[in-house]
Amino acid sequence: MKELALILKDLRIEKNISQDKLAELLNTTRSAIGNYETGRRVPNYEMLENIADFFNVDMDYLLGRQSIKRKNAIPSFVPGTTEIIDLYSRASEDQRQAVLNLLRSFVAHE
């Protein structure tokens, strides 16, 4: 299996974005992305989550532990998604239903 550095670089190139743009989107520096891609540094857990969310891949794929690339839950990187999922998972059934109804009303008005 590939290592994180190669996987990250391949994902970035596949999405056709520069290190600068990826750094901006992940709220980090271009040098950090460069160091991740060369293996000089390893991202912390939070950054690994952000990278996996951005590229819509499983953490295990990103870490080279599995060959299945895509995850099914989140179609693309949306800031705040992880927090929303966390809060939603801790809500009661009634609260989750209220959130869904509210979101449906927002989307219906677009």
N, C-alpha and C. Protein backbone atom coordinates (compact mmCIF):
# COMPACT_ATOMS: atom_id res chain seq x y z
N MET A 1 0.83 -1.19 0.00
CA MET A 1 0.00 0.00 0.00
C MET A 1 0.87 1.25 0.00
N LYS A 2 0.33 2.31 -0.54
CA LYS A 2 1.04 3.58 -0.56
C LYS A 2 1.08 4.20 0.82
N GLU A 3 2.02 5.08 1.01
CA GLU A 3 2.07 5.82 2.26
C GLU A 3 1.31 7.13 2.13
N LEU A 4 1.02 7.73 3.27
CA LEU A 4 0.24 8.97 3.33
C LEU A 4 0.77 10.04 2.39
N ALA A 5 2.07 10.27 2.36
CA ALA A 5 2.65 11.34 1.54
C ALA A 5 2.26 11.17 0.06
N LEU A 6 2.40 9.96 -0.45
CA LEU A 6 2.09 9.71 -1.86
C LEU A 6 0.58 9.79 -2.12
N ILE A 7 -0.19 9.28 -1.18
CA ILE A 7 -1.65 9.32 -1.34
C ILE A 7 -2.14 10.75 -1.38
N LEU A 8 -1.65 11.58 -0.45
CA LEU A 8 -2.07 12.98 -0.41
C LEU A 8 -1.72 13.70 -1.71
N LYS A 9 -0.50 13.50 -2.18
CA LYS A 9 -0.09 14.15 -3.42
C LYS A 9 -0.95 13.69 -4.60
N ASP A 10 -1.21 12.39 -4.68
CA ASP A 10 -2.05 11.85 -5.76
C ASP A 10 -3.45 12.44 -5.71
N LEU A 11 -4.02 12.53 -4.51
CA LEU A 11 -5.37 13.09 -4.37
C LEU A 11 -5.40 14.55 -4.80
N ARG A 12 -4.39 15.30 -4.40
CA ARG A 12 -4.34 16.73 -4.76
C ARG A 12 -4.23 16.90 -6.26
N ILE A 13 -3.35 16.13 -6.89
CA ILE A 13 -3.16 16.22 -8.34
C ILE A 13 -4.43 15.76 -9.07
N GLU A 14 -5.06 14.71 -8.57
CA GLU A 14 -6.30 14.22 -9.17
C GLU A 14 -7.39 15.30 -9.15
N LYS A 15 -7.42 16.08 -8.09
CA LYS A 15 -8.42 17.15 -7.95
C LYS A 15 -7.96 18.42 -8.67
N ASN A 16 -6.73 18.39 -9.18
CA ASN A 16 -6.17 19.50 -9.96
C ASN A 16 -6.13 20.81 -9.18
N ILE A 17 -5.61 20.73 -7.96
CA ILE A 17 -5.43 21.94 -7.16
C ILE A 17 -3.98 22.04 -6.70
N SER A 18 -3.54 23.25 -6.52
CA SER A 18 -2.15 23.49 -6.10
C SER A 18 -2.01 23.28 -4.60
N GLN A 19 -0.76 23.17 -4.16
CA GLN A 19 -0.48 23.10 -2.73
C GLN A 19 -0.98 24.37 -2.05
N ASP A 20 -0.79 25.51 -2.69
CA ASP A 20 -1.27 26.78 -2.12
C ASP A 20 -2.78 26.76 -1.90
N LYS A 21 -3.52 26.32 -2.89
CA LYS A 21 -4.98 26.29 -2.79
C LYS A 21 -5.44 25.30 -1.72
N LEU A 22 -4.81 24.13 -1.69
CA LEU A 22 -5.16 23.13 -0.68
C LEU A 22 -4.88 23.68 0.71
N ALA A 23 -3.75 24.33 0.87
CA ALA A 23 -3.40 24.92 2.16
C ALA A 23 -4.46 25.94 2.58
N GLU A 24 -4.88 26.76 1.66
CA GLU A 24 -5.91 27.77 1.94
C GLU A 24 -7.21 27.11 2.37
N LEU A 25 -7.63 26.08 1.64
CA LEU A 25 -8.89 25.40 1.94
C LEU A 25 -8.86 24.66 3.27
N LEU A 26 -7.66 24.20 3.66
CA LEU A 26 -7.52 23.46 4.91
C LEU A 26 -7.04 24.33 6.06
N ASN A 27 -6.92 25.63 5.78
CA ASN A 27 -6.50 26.59 6.80
C ASN A 27 -5.13 26.23 7.39
N THR A 28 -4.18 25.99 6.50
CA THR A 28 -2.81 25.70 6.91
C THR A 28 -1.88 26.41 5.93
N THR A 29 -0.60 26.07 5.96
CA THR A 29 0.36 26.71 5.07
C THR A 29 0.74 25.80 3.91
N ARG A 30 1.23 26.42 2.83
CA ARG A 30 1.71 25.64 1.70
C ARG A 30 2.88 24.77 2.12
N SER A 31 3.74 25.29 2.99
CA SER A 31 4.90 24.50 3.42
C SER A 31 4.46 23.27 4.21
N ALA A 32 3.38 23.40 4.99
CA ALA A 32 2.88 22.23 5.71
C ALA A 32 2.41 21.16 4.72
N ILE A 33 1.67 21.58 3.70
CA ILE A 33 1.21 20.63 2.68
C ILE A 33 2.41 19.99 1.99
N GLY A 34 3.41 20.79 1.63
CA GLY A 34 4.62 20.26 1.00
C GLY A 34 5.32 19.26 1.89
N ASN A 35 5.39 19.56 3.18
CA ASN A 35 6.03 18.63 4.11
C ASN A 35 5.23 17.34 4.26
N TYR A 36 3.90 17.43 4.23
CA TYR A 36 3.07 16.22 4.28
C TYR A 36 3.31 15.37 3.05
N GLU A 37 3.40 16.03 1.88
CA GLU A 37 3.55 15.31 0.62
C GLU A 37 4.93 14.69 0.44
N THR A 38 5.92 15.21 1.12
CA THR A 38 7.27 14.63 1.02
C THR A 38 7.57 13.67 2.17
N GLY A 39 6.66 13.61 3.15
CA GLY A 39 6.86 12.72 4.28
C GLY A 39 7.73 13.30 5.38
N ARG A 40 8.09 14.57 5.26
CA ARG A 40 8.91 15.19 6.31
C ARG A 40 8.11 15.44 7.58
N ARG A 41 6.79 15.62 7.43
CA ARG A 41 5.90 15.81 8.57
C ARG A 41 4.65 14.97 8.37
N VAL A 42 4.03 14.62 9.48
CA VAL A 42 2.76 13.89 9.45
C VAL A 42 1.70 14.80 10.06
N PRO A 43 0.58 14.97 9.38
CA PRO A 43 -0.48 15.83 9.93
C PRO A 43 -1.01 15.28 11.25
N ASN A 44 -1.46 16.17 12.13
CA ASN A 44 -2.10 15.70 13.36
C ASN A 44 -3.47 15.11 13.01
N TYR A 45 -4.12 14.53 14.00
CA TYR A 45 -5.37 13.83 13.75
C TYR A 45 -6.44 14.75 13.16
N GLU A 46 -6.57 15.95 13.72
CA GLU A 46 -7.58 16.88 13.21
C GLU A 46 -7.33 17.22 11.74
N MET A 47 -6.07 17.45 11.38
CA MET A 47 -5.75 17.75 9.98
C MET A 47 -6.01 16.53 9.10
N LEU A 48 -5.71 15.34 9.59
CA LEU A 48 -6.00 14.13 8.82
C LEU A 48 -7.51 14.04 8.54
N GLU A 49 -8.32 14.34 9.54
CA GLU A 49 -9.77 14.34 9.34
C GLU A 49 -10.18 15.36 8.29
N ASN A 50 -9.60 16.56 8.37
CA ASN A 50 -9.93 17.61 7.41
C ASN A 50 -9.53 17.21 5.99
N ILE A 51 -8.36 16.60 5.87
CA ILE A 51 -7.89 16.15 4.55
C ILE A 51 -8.82 15.07 4.01
N ALA A 52 -9.16 14.10 4.84
CA ALA A 52 -10.05 13.02 4.42
C ALA A 52 -11.41 13.57 4.01
N ASP A 53 -11.94 14.52 4.79
CA ASP A 53 -13.23 15.12 4.44
C ASP A 53 -13.14 15.89 3.13
N PHE A 54 -12.08 16.66 2.97
CA PHE A 54 -11.94 17.45 1.75
C PHE A 54 -11.91 16.57 0.51
N PHE A 55 -11.15 15.49 0.57
CA PHE A 55 -11.02 14.62 -0.61
C PHE A 55 -12.09 13.53 -0.65
N ASN A 56 -12.99 13.53 0.36
CA ASN A 56 -14.05 12.53 0.42
C ASN A 56 -13.50 11.10 0.36
N VAL A 57 -12.52 10.85 1.22
CA VAL A 57 -11.94 9.52 1.32
C VAL A 57 -11.99 9.06 2.76
N ASP A 58 -11.98 7.77 2.96
CA ASP A 58 -11.91 7.21 4.31
C ASP A 58 -10.53 7.49 4.89
N MET A 59 -10.49 7.66 6.21
CA MET A 59 -9.21 7.85 6.89
C MET A 59 -8.30 6.65 6.64
N ASP A 60 -8.85 5.45 6.63
CA ASP A 60 -8.02 4.27 6.40
C ASP A 60 -7.38 4.30 5.02
N TYR A 61 -8.09 4.82 4.02
CA TYR A 61 -7.50 4.96 2.69
C TYR A 61 -6.36 5.99 2.74
N LEU A 62 -6.63 7.12 3.37
CA LEU A 62 -5.63 8.18 3.46
C LEU A 62 -4.36 7.69 4.14
N LEU A 63 -4.52 6.84 5.14
CA LEU A 63 -3.37 6.32 5.88
C LEU A 63 -2.75 5.09 5.22
N GLY A 64 -3.31 4.66 4.10
CA GLY A 64 -2.75 3.53 3.38
C GLY A 64 -3.13 2.19 3.95
N ARG A 65 -4.20 2.13 4.73
CA ARG A 65 -4.61 0.89 5.38
C ARG A 65 -5.62 0.09 4.57
N GLN A 66 -6.24 0.73 3.58
CA GLN A 66 -7.20 0.02 2.73
C GLN A 66 -7.15 0.61 1.34
N SER A 67 -7.61 -0.16 0.38
CA SER A 67 -7.57 0.30 -1.00
C SER A 67 -8.87 0.95 -1.45
N ILE A 68 -9.93 0.84 -0.65
CA ILE A 68 -11.20 1.47 -1.00
C ILE A 68 -11.08 2.95 -0.69
N LYS A 69 -11.28 3.75 -1.70
CA LYS A 69 -10.99 5.17 -1.63
C LYS A 69 -12.10 6.02 -1.05
N ARG A 70 -13.28 5.91 -1.57
CA ARG A 70 -14.36 6.85 -1.27
C ARG A 70 -15.16 6.44 -0.06
N LYS A 71 -15.57 7.44 0.68
CA LYS A 71 -16.54 7.20 1.73
C LYS A 71 -17.89 7.64 1.22
N ASN A 72 -18.94 7.12 1.80
CA ASN A 72 -20.28 7.38 1.29
C ASN A 72 -21.03 8.48 2.02
N ALA A 73 -20.65 8.78 3.25
CA ALA A 73 -21.46 9.66 4.09
C ALA A 73 -21.47 11.11 3.63
N ILE A 74 -20.33 11.66 3.25
CA ILE A 74 -20.25 13.08 2.93
C ILE A 74 -19.77 13.24 1.50
N PRO A 75 -20.58 13.81 0.61
CA PRO A 75 -20.21 13.88 -0.81
C PRO A 75 -19.06 14.82 -1.11
N SER A 76 -18.84 15.86 -0.31
CA SER A 76 -17.74 16.76 -0.56
C SER A 76 -17.44 17.55 0.70
N PHE A 77 -16.30 18.20 0.72
CA PHE A 77 -15.90 18.96 1.88
C PHE A 77 -16.81 20.18 2.05
N VAL A 78 -17.39 20.29 3.22
CA VAL A 78 -18.20 21.45 3.57
C VAL A 78 -17.75 21.86 4.97
N PRO A 79 -17.24 23.09 5.12
CA PRO A 79 -16.80 23.51 6.46
C PRO A 79 -17.90 23.33 7.50
N GLY A 80 -17.54 22.78 8.64
CA GLY A 80 -18.49 22.58 9.72
C GLY A 80 -19.19 21.24 9.71
N THR A 81 -18.98 20.44 8.67
CA THR A 81 -19.68 19.17 8.55
C THR A 81 -19.41 18.25 9.73
N THR A 82 -18.16 18.16 10.14
CA THR A 82 -17.81 17.27 11.25
C THR A 82 -18.53 17.69 12.52
N GLU A 83 -18.57 18.99 12.79
CA GLU A 83 -19.26 19.48 13.99
C GLU A 83 -20.76 19.20 13.91
N ILE A 84 -21.33 19.42 12.74
CA ILE A 84 -22.76 19.18 12.57
C ILE A 84 -23.10 17.72 12.82
N ILE A 85 -22.30 16.83 12.27
CA ILE A 85 -22.54 15.39 12.45
C ILE A 85 -22.40 15.01 13.92
N ASP A 86 -21.38 15.57 14.58
CA ASP A 86 -21.18 15.28 16.00
C ASP A 86 -22.38 15.74 16.82
N LEU A 87 -22.81 16.98 16.62
CA LEU A 87 -23.95 17.50 17.37
C LEU A 87 -25.22 16.71 17.07
N TYR A 88 -25.43 16.41 15.81
CA TYR A 88 -26.62 15.67 15.39
C TYR A 88 -26.65 14.29 16.05
N SER A 89 -25.49 13.63 16.11
CA SER A 89 -25.44 12.28 16.69
C SER A 89 -25.73 12.29 18.19
N ARG A 90 -25.48 13.42 18.85
CA ARG A 90 -25.74 13.52 20.30
C ARG A 90 -27.15 14.00 20.62
N ALA A 91 -27.90 14.42 19.62
CA ALA A 91 -29.25 14.95 19.85
C ALA A 91 -30.24 13.81 20.06
N SER A 92 -31.35 14.15 20.71
CA SER A 92 -32.43 13.17 20.88
C SER A 92 -33.12 12.95 19.53
N GLU A 93 -33.94 11.93 19.46
CA GLU A 93 -34.68 11.65 18.23
C GLU A 93 -35.57 12.83 17.84
N ASP A 94 -36.24 13.43 18.82
CA ASP A 94 -37.09 14.60 18.54
C ASP A 94 -36.26 15.77 18.02
N GLN A 95 -35.11 16.00 18.62
CA GLN A 95 -34.24 17.09 18.18
C GLN A 95 -33.73 16.84 16.76
N ARG A 96 -33.36 15.58 16.47
CA ARG A 96 -32.89 15.26 15.11
C ARG A 96 -33.99 15.50 14.09
N GLN A 97 -35.21 15.13 14.43
CA GLN A 97 -36.34 15.35 13.52
C GLN A 97 -36.57 16.84 13.29
N ALA A 98 -36.45 17.64 14.36
CA ALA A 98 -36.62 19.09 14.23
C ALA A 98 -35.54 19.68 13.32
N VAL A 99 -34.31 19.21 13.47
CA VAL A 99 -33.21 19.69 12.62
C VAL A 99 -33.48 19.33 11.17
N LEU A 100 -33.89 18.10 10.91
CA LEU A 100 -34.18 17.69 9.54
C LEU A 100 -35.30 18.53 8.93
N ASN A 101 -36.34 18.77 9.70
CA ASN A 101 -37.45 19.59 9.21
C ASN A 101 -36.99 21.01 8.88
N LEU A 102 -36.15 21.57 9.75
CA LEU A 102 -35.63 22.91 9.52
C LEU A 102 -34.78 22.95 8.25
N LEU A 103 -33.90 21.99 8.09
CA LEU A 103 -33.06 21.94 6.89
C LEU A 103 -33.90 21.77 5.63
N ARG A 104 -34.90 20.92 5.71
CA ARG A 104 -35.78 20.73 4.55
C ARG A 104 -36.49 22.03 4.18
N SER A 105 -36.89 22.80 5.18
CA SER A 105 -37.56 24.07 4.88
C SER A 105 -36.61 25.06 4.24
N PHE A 106 -35.35 25.08 4.66
CA PHE A 106 -34.36 25.96 4.05
C PHE A 106 -34.11 25.57 2.59
N VAL A 107 -33.93 24.30 2.35
CA VAL A 107 -33.63 23.82 1.00
C VAL A 107 -34.83 24.01 0.08
N ALA A 108 -36.01 23.85 0.60
CA ALA A 108 -37.23 24.00 -0.21
C ALA A 108 -37.41 25.44 -0.70
N HIS A 109 -36.85 26.40 0.00
CA HIS A 109 -37.00 27.80 -0.37
C HIS A 109 -35.93 28.32 -1.31
N GLU A 110 -35.03 27.45 -1.73
CA GLU A 110 -33.96 27.91 -2.65
C GLU A 110 -34.43 27.92 -4.07
